[in-house]
Amino acid sequence: MEETKMVTTLKVSDKYSAISGIQAEEFRDELTAIQDDFDDDLLIDLGGIDNLSSIGISAILLMHSYLQKHGRKLLVTNINEKNYKIFEMLNMTDILG
């Protein structure tokens, strides 16, 4: 029998309109606060988020690293073209879905 891994989804646009400035810092703090609250893989839905600052990207990359160390995965979905190019430059498109 194969174990089915669960996925926790964080729909960012439910709380933020952009991930820049003070919102990026809040987003980073929120990710840090929830990292031990679940044992699932994490899906971050960036639909509706046009602006993703370096702090927001850093928060996502730190969460990716943390989950990877704990045998879990991170997937980022619904990312716009501008933000996709940033992930492409960082060679992090493997976490995009």
C-alpha atoms as a PDB file:
ATOM      1  CA  MET A   1       0.000   0.000   0.000  1.00  0.00           C
ATOM      2  CA  GLU A   2       1.293   3.447  -0.923  1.00  0.00           C
ATOM      3  CA  GLU A   3       0.976   6.303   1.568  1.00  0.00           C
ATOM      4  CA  THR A   4      -0.680   9.382   0.152  1.00  0.00           C
ATOM      5  CA  LYS A   5       1.034  12.577   1.199  1.00  0.00           C
ATOM      6  CA  MET A   6      -1.228  15.465   2.107  1.00  0.00           C
ATOM      7  CA  VAL A   7      -0.719  19.024   0.877  1.00  0.00           C
ATOM      8  CA  THR A   8      -1.451  22.181   2.847  1.00  0.00           C
ATOM      9  CA  THR A   9      -2.382  25.134   0.639  1.00  0.00           C
ATOM     10  CA  LEU A  10      -1.631  28.754   1.478  1.00  0.00           C
ATOM     11  CA  LYS A  11      -3.603  31.088  -0.807  1.00  0.00           C
ATOM     12  CA  VAL A  12      -1.609  34.288  -0.456  1.00  0.00           C
ATOM     13  CA  SER A  13      -4.152  36.633  -2.079  1.00  0.00           C
ATOM     14  CA  ASP A  14      -6.638  35.852   0.719  1.00  0.00           C
ATOM     15  CA  LYS A  15      -4.472  38.013   2.981  1.00  0.00           C
ATOM     16  CA  TYR A  16      -2.153  40.056   0.749  1.00  0.00           C
ATOM     17  CA  SER A  17      -2.513  42.056  -2.448  1.00  0.00           C
ATOM     18  CA  ALA A  18       1.260  42.145  -2.967  1.00  0.00           C
ATOM     19  CA  ILE A  19       4.276  40.721  -1.214  1.00  0.00           C
ATOM     20  CA  SER A  20       6.437  43.804  -0.890  1.00  0.00           C
ATOM     21  CA  GLY A  21       7.335  46.284   1.823  1.00  0.00           C
ATOM     22  CA  ILE A  22       5.664  45.613   5.154  1.00  0.00           C
ATOM     23  CA  GLN A  23       3.476  42.903   3.615  1.00  0.00           C
ATOM     24  CA  ALA A  24       6.591  40.963   2.617  1.00  0.00           C
ATOM     25  CA  GLU A  25       7.863  41.092   6.178  1.00  0.00           C
ATOM     26  CA  GLU A  26       4.479  39.906   7.474  1.00  0.00           C
ATOM     27  CA  PHE A  27       4.469  37.106   4.875  1.00  0.00           C
ATOM     28  CA  ARG A  28       7.959  36.028   5.944  1.00  0.00           C
ATOM     29  CA  ASP A  29       6.915  36.021   9.605  1.00  0.00           C
ATOM     30  CA  GLU A  30       3.758  34.052   8.769  1.00  0.00           C
ATOM     31  CA  LEU A  31       5.726  31.384   6.902  1.00  0.00           C
ATOM     32  CA  THR A  32       8.177  31.084   9.784  1.00  0.00           C
ATOM     33  CA  ALA A  33       5.318  30.784  12.280  1.00  0.00           C
ATOM     34  CA  ILE A  34       3.499  28.011  10.397  1.00  0.00           C
ATOM     35  CA  GLN A  35       6.449  25.854   9.357  1.00  0.00           C
ATOM     36  CA  ASP A  36       5.989  23.457  12.283  1.00  0.00           C
ATOM     37  CA  ASP A  37       2.170  23.567  12.314  1.00  0.00           C
ATOM     38  CA  PHE A  38       1.718  20.837   9.698  1.00  0.00           C
ATOM     39  CA  ASP A  39       3.416  17.675   8.461  1.00  0.00           C
ATOM     40  CA  ASP A  40       2.292  18.006   4.859  1.00  0.00           C
ATOM     41  CA  ASP A  41       3.914  19.356   1.760  1.00  0.00           C
ATOM     42  CA  LEU A  42       3.096  23.048   1.209  1.00  0.00           C
ATOM     43  CA  LEU A  43       1.522  24.631  -1.850  1.00  0.00           C
ATOM     44  CA  ILE A  44       1.800  28.431  -1.987  1.00  0.00           C
ATOM     45  CA  ASP A  45      -0.775  29.881  -4.391  1.00  0.00           C
ATOM     46  CA  LEU A  46       0.444  33.263  -5.681  1.00  0.00           C
ATOM     47  CA  GLY A  47      -2.602  33.886  -7.891  1.00  0.00           C
ATOM     48  CA  GLY A  48      -3.494  37.585  -7.807  1.00  0.00           C
ATOM     49  CA  ILE A  49      -0.062  38.639  -6.520  1.00  0.00           C
ATOM     50  CA  ASP A  50       1.559  41.019  -9.010  1.00  0.00           C
ATOM     51  CA  ASN A  51       4.449  42.295  -6.933  1.00  0.00           C
ATOM     52  CA  LEU A  52       6.832  39.900  -5.175  1.00  0.00           C
ATOM     53  CA  SER A  53       9.788  41.624  -3.493  1.00  0.00           C
ATOM     54  CA  SER A  54      13.160  40.150  -2.619  1.00  0.00           C
ATOM     55  CA  ILE A  55      11.947  39.694   0.973  1.00  0.00           C
ATOM     56  CA  GLY A  56       8.988  37.667  -0.279  1.00  0.00           C
ATOM     57  CA  ILE A  57      11.195  35.559  -2.537  1.00  0.00           C
ATOM     58  CA  SER A  58      13.638  35.042   0.317  1.00  0.00           C
ATOM     59  CA  ALA A  59      10.789  33.873   2.569  1.00  0.00           C
ATOM     60  CA  ILE A  60       9.680  31.344  -0.050  1.00  0.00           C
ATOM     61  CA  LEU A  61      13.235  30.069  -0.568  1.00  0.00           C
ATOM     62  CA  LEU A  62      13.794  29.741   3.204  1.00  0.00           C
ATOM     63  CA  MET A  63      10.546  27.784   3.521  1.00  0.00           C
ATOM     64  CA  HIS A  64      11.627  25.561   0.623  1.00  0.00           C
ATOM     65  CA  SER A  65      14.933  24.842   2.341  1.00  0.00           C
ATOM     66  CA  TYR A  66      13.248  24.172   5.711  1.00  0.00           C
ATOM     67  CA  LEU A  67      10.688  21.783   4.228  1.00  0.00           C
ATOM     68  CA  GLN A  68      13.341  19.993   2.195  1.00  0.00           C
ATOM     69  CA  LYS A  69      15.408  19.378   5.356  1.00  0.00           C
ATOM     70  CA  HIS A  70      12.308  17.850   6.958  1.00  0.00           C
ATOM     71  CA  GLY A  71      11.445  15.554   4.044  1.00  0.00           C
ATOM     72  CA  ARG A  72       8.637  17.742   2.724  1.00  0.00           C
ATOM     73  CA  LYS A  73       8.177  19.666  -0.488  1.00  0.00           C
ATOM     74  CA  LEU A  74       7.177  23.167  -1.486  1.00  0.00           C
ATOM     75  CA  LEU A  75       5.280  23.995  -4.654  1.00  0.00           C
ATOM     76  CA  VAL A  76       4.464  27.529  -5.811  1.00  0.00           C
ATOM     77  CA  THR A  77       1.532  27.902  -8.209  1.00  0.00           C
ATOM     78  CA  ASN A  78      -0.285  30.592 -10.183  1.00  0.00           C
ATOM     79  CA  ILE A  79       2.794  32.758 -10.514  1.00  0.00           C
ATOM     80  CA  ASN A  80       2.692  35.566 -13.071  1.00  0.00           C
ATOM     81  CA  GLU A  81       5.234  35.942 -15.873  1.00  0.00           C
ATOM     82  CA  LYS A  82       7.220  38.722 -14.176  1.00  0.00           C
ATOM     83  CA  ASN A  83       7.669  36.717 -10.986  1.00  0.00           C
ATOM     84  CA  TYR A  84       8.331  33.535 -12.973  1.00  0.00           C
ATOM     85  CA  LYS A  85      11.319  35.232 -14.586  1.00  0.00           C
ATOM     86  CA  ILE A  86      12.723  36.013 -11.140  1.00  0.00           C
ATOM     87  CA  PHE A  87      12.459  32.365 -10.116  1.00  0.00           C
ATOM     88  CA  GLU A  88      14.011  31.424 -13.462  1.00  0.00           C
ATOM     89  CA  MET A  89      17.014  33.713 -12.823  1.00  0.00           C
ATOM     90  CA  LEU A  90      17.406  32.113  -9.387  1.00  0.00           C
ATOM     91  CA  ASN A  91      17.269  28.643 -10.974  1.00  0.00           C
ATOM     92  CA  MET A  92      14.280  27.792  -8.760  1.00  0.00           C
ATOM     93  CA  THR A  93      11.676  26.900 -11.383  1.00  0.00           C
ATOM     94  CA  ASP A  94      11.614  23.322 -10.061  1.00  0.00           C
ATOM     95  CA  ILE A  95       9.314  24.475  -7.222  1.00  0.00           C
ATOM     96  CA  LEU A  96       6.854  26.116  -9.616  1.00  0.00           C
ATOM     97  CA  GLY A  97       3.750  24.238 -10.669  1.00  0.00           C
END
